[in-house]
Amino acid sequence: MNEQECTPLQRKHPDWNIRPFGDQGCYIATRLGCPFLTDEELVAGLYMTLVEDTLEDLGEALAIQVEIEDSL
């Protein structure tokens, strides 16, 4: 696992910091430039941080976040 493999997903989601998560064998995405989410956003299912086992799973989770954001 290295940060270069995260580059395509990072380009697709520039509002997130995407990287491998230590030696855990998983990946983490953290929102950038957003100090907090409102109660409405949290109830709708938005998260500040996502952790998934694979980049593919993380990409799917990020796509869901985009869908939720677009619906608000």
C-alpha atoms as a PDB file:
ATOM      1  CA  MET A   1       0.000   0.000   0.000  1.00  0.00           C
ATOM      2  CA  ASN A   2       1.255   3.413  -0.923  1.00  0.00           C
ATOM      3  CA  GLU A   3      -0.175   6.869  -1.410  1.00  0.00           C
ATOM      4  CA  GLN A   4       0.355   6.817  -5.194  1.00  0.00           C
ATOM      5  CA  GLU A   5      -2.336   4.188  -5.613  1.00  0.00           C
ATOM      6  CA  CYS A   6      -4.753   6.651  -3.974  1.00  0.00           C
ATOM      7  CA  THR A   7      -4.038   9.363  -6.582  1.00  0.00           C
ATOM      8  CA  PRO A   8      -6.871   8.552  -9.048  1.00  0.00           C
ATOM      9  CA  LEU A   9      -9.454   8.508  -6.256  1.00  0.00           C
ATOM     10  CA  GLN A  10      -7.974  11.696  -4.782  1.00  0.00           C
ATOM     11  CA  ARG A  11      -8.341  13.450  -8.143  1.00  0.00           C
ATOM     12  CA  LYS A  12     -11.971  12.373  -8.338  1.00  0.00           C
ATOM     13  CA  HIS A  13     -12.674  13.605  -4.794  1.00  0.00           C
ATOM     14  CA  PRO A  14     -10.470  16.685  -4.208  1.00  0.00           C
ATOM     15  CA  ASP A  15     -12.425  17.722  -1.106  1.00  0.00           C
ATOM     16  CA  TRP A  16     -11.148  14.642   0.709  1.00  0.00           C
ATOM     17  CA  ASN A  17      -7.697  13.596   1.929  1.00  0.00           C
ATOM     18  CA  ILE A  18      -7.349   9.953   0.875  1.00  0.00           C
ATOM     19  CA  ARG A  19      -4.488   7.757   2.064  1.00  0.00           C
ATOM     20  CA  PRO A  20      -3.522   4.316   3.352  1.00  0.00           C
ATOM     21  CA  PHE A  21      -4.225   3.924   7.052  1.00  0.00           C
ATOM     22  CA  GLY A  22      -0.980   2.910   8.764  1.00  0.00           C
ATOM     23  CA  ASP A  23      -0.209  -0.786   8.826  1.00  0.00           C
ATOM     24  CA  GLN A  24      -3.859  -1.685   9.170  1.00  0.00           C
ATOM     25  CA  GLY A  25      -4.256  -2.683   5.512  1.00  0.00           C
ATOM     26  CA  CYS A  26      -7.116  -0.279   4.948  1.00  0.00           C
ATOM     27  CA  TYR A  27      -7.728   3.200   3.552  1.00  0.00           C
ATOM     28  CA  ILE A  28      -9.027   6.398   5.107  1.00  0.00           C
ATOM     29  CA  ALA A  29     -10.670   9.504   3.649  1.00  0.00           C
ATOM     30  CA  THR A  30     -11.092  12.691   5.688  1.00  0.00           C
ATOM     31  CA  ARG A  31     -13.000  15.776   4.599  1.00  0.00           C
ATOM     32  CA  LEU A  32     -10.883  18.850   3.866  1.00  0.00           C
ATOM     33  CA  GLY A  33     -11.938  22.429   4.627  1.00  0.00           C
ATOM     34  CA  CYS A  34     -15.002  21.375   6.559  1.00  0.00           C
ATOM     35  CA  PRO A  35     -14.531  21.866  10.306  1.00  0.00           C
ATOM     36  CA  PHE A  36     -17.851  20.223  11.141  1.00  0.00           C
ATOM     37  CA  LEU A  37     -21.065  18.829   9.707  1.00  0.00           C
ATOM     38  CA  THR A  38     -24.459  20.173  10.681  1.00  0.00           C
ATOM     39  CA  ASP A  39     -27.007  18.038  12.501  1.00  0.00           C
ATOM     40  CA  GLU A  40     -28.991  17.844   9.258  1.00  0.00           C
ATOM     41  CA  GLU A  41     -25.959  16.549   7.359  1.00  0.00           C
ATOM     42  CA  LEU A  42     -25.147  13.978  10.041  1.00  0.00           C
ATOM     43  CA  VAL A  43     -28.735  12.725  10.142  1.00  0.00           C
ATOM     44  CA  ALA A  44     -28.697  12.466   6.339  1.00  0.00           C
ATOM     45  CA  GLY A  45     -25.672  10.141   6.571  1.00  0.00           C
ATOM     46  CA  LEU A  46     -22.657  12.351   5.889  1.00  0.00           C
ATOM     47  CA  TYR A  47     -19.383  11.559   7.651  1.00  0.00           C
ATOM     48  CA  MET A  48     -16.198  13.503   8.338  1.00  0.00           C
ATOM     49  CA  THR A  49     -14.060  10.363   7.978  1.00  0.00           C
ATOM     50  CA  LEU A  50     -14.497   7.116   6.088  1.00  0.00           C
ATOM     51  CA  VAL A  51     -12.431   3.951   6.627  1.00  0.00           C
ATOM     52  CA  GLU A  52     -12.679   0.993   4.244  1.00  0.00           C
ATOM     53  CA  ASP A  53     -10.702  -2.189   3.607  1.00  0.00           C
ATOM     54  CA  THR A  54     -10.046  -1.514  -0.081  1.00  0.00           C
ATOM     55  CA  LEU A  55      -9.751   1.491  -2.367  1.00  0.00           C
ATOM     56  CA  GLU A  56     -12.701   0.122  -4.319  1.00  0.00           C
ATOM     57  CA  ASP A  57     -14.865   0.099  -1.192  1.00  0.00           C
ATOM     58  CA  LEU A  58     -13.652   3.587  -0.291  1.00  0.00           C
ATOM     59  CA  GLY A  59     -14.551   4.824  -3.779  1.00  0.00           C
ATOM     60  CA  GLU A  60     -18.065   3.440  -3.350  1.00  0.00           C
ATOM     61  CA  ALA A  61     -18.414   5.066   0.082  1.00  0.00           C
ATOM     62  CA  LEU A  62     -17.241   8.406  -1.317  1.00  0.00           C
ATOM     63  CA  ALA A  63     -19.740   8.125  -4.182  1.00  0.00           C
ATOM     64  CA  ILE A  64     -22.514   7.626  -1.621  1.00  0.00           C
ATOM     65  CA  GLN A  65     -21.350  10.754   0.225  1.00  0.00           C
ATOM     66  CA  VAL A  66     -21.594  12.718  -3.044  1.00  0.00           C
ATOM     67  CA  GLU A  67     -25.123  11.419  -3.616  1.00  0.00           C
ATOM     68  CA  ILE A  68     -26.174  12.482  -0.129  1.00  0.00           C
ATOM     69  CA  GLU A  69     -24.556  15.919  -0.537  1.00  0.00           C
ATOM     70  CA  ASP A  70     -26.363  16.405  -3.849  1.00  0.00           C
ATOM     71  CA  SER A  71     -29.700  15.525  -2.233  1.00  0.00           C
ATOM     72  CA  LEU A  72     -29.416  18.181   0.493  1.00  0.00           C
END
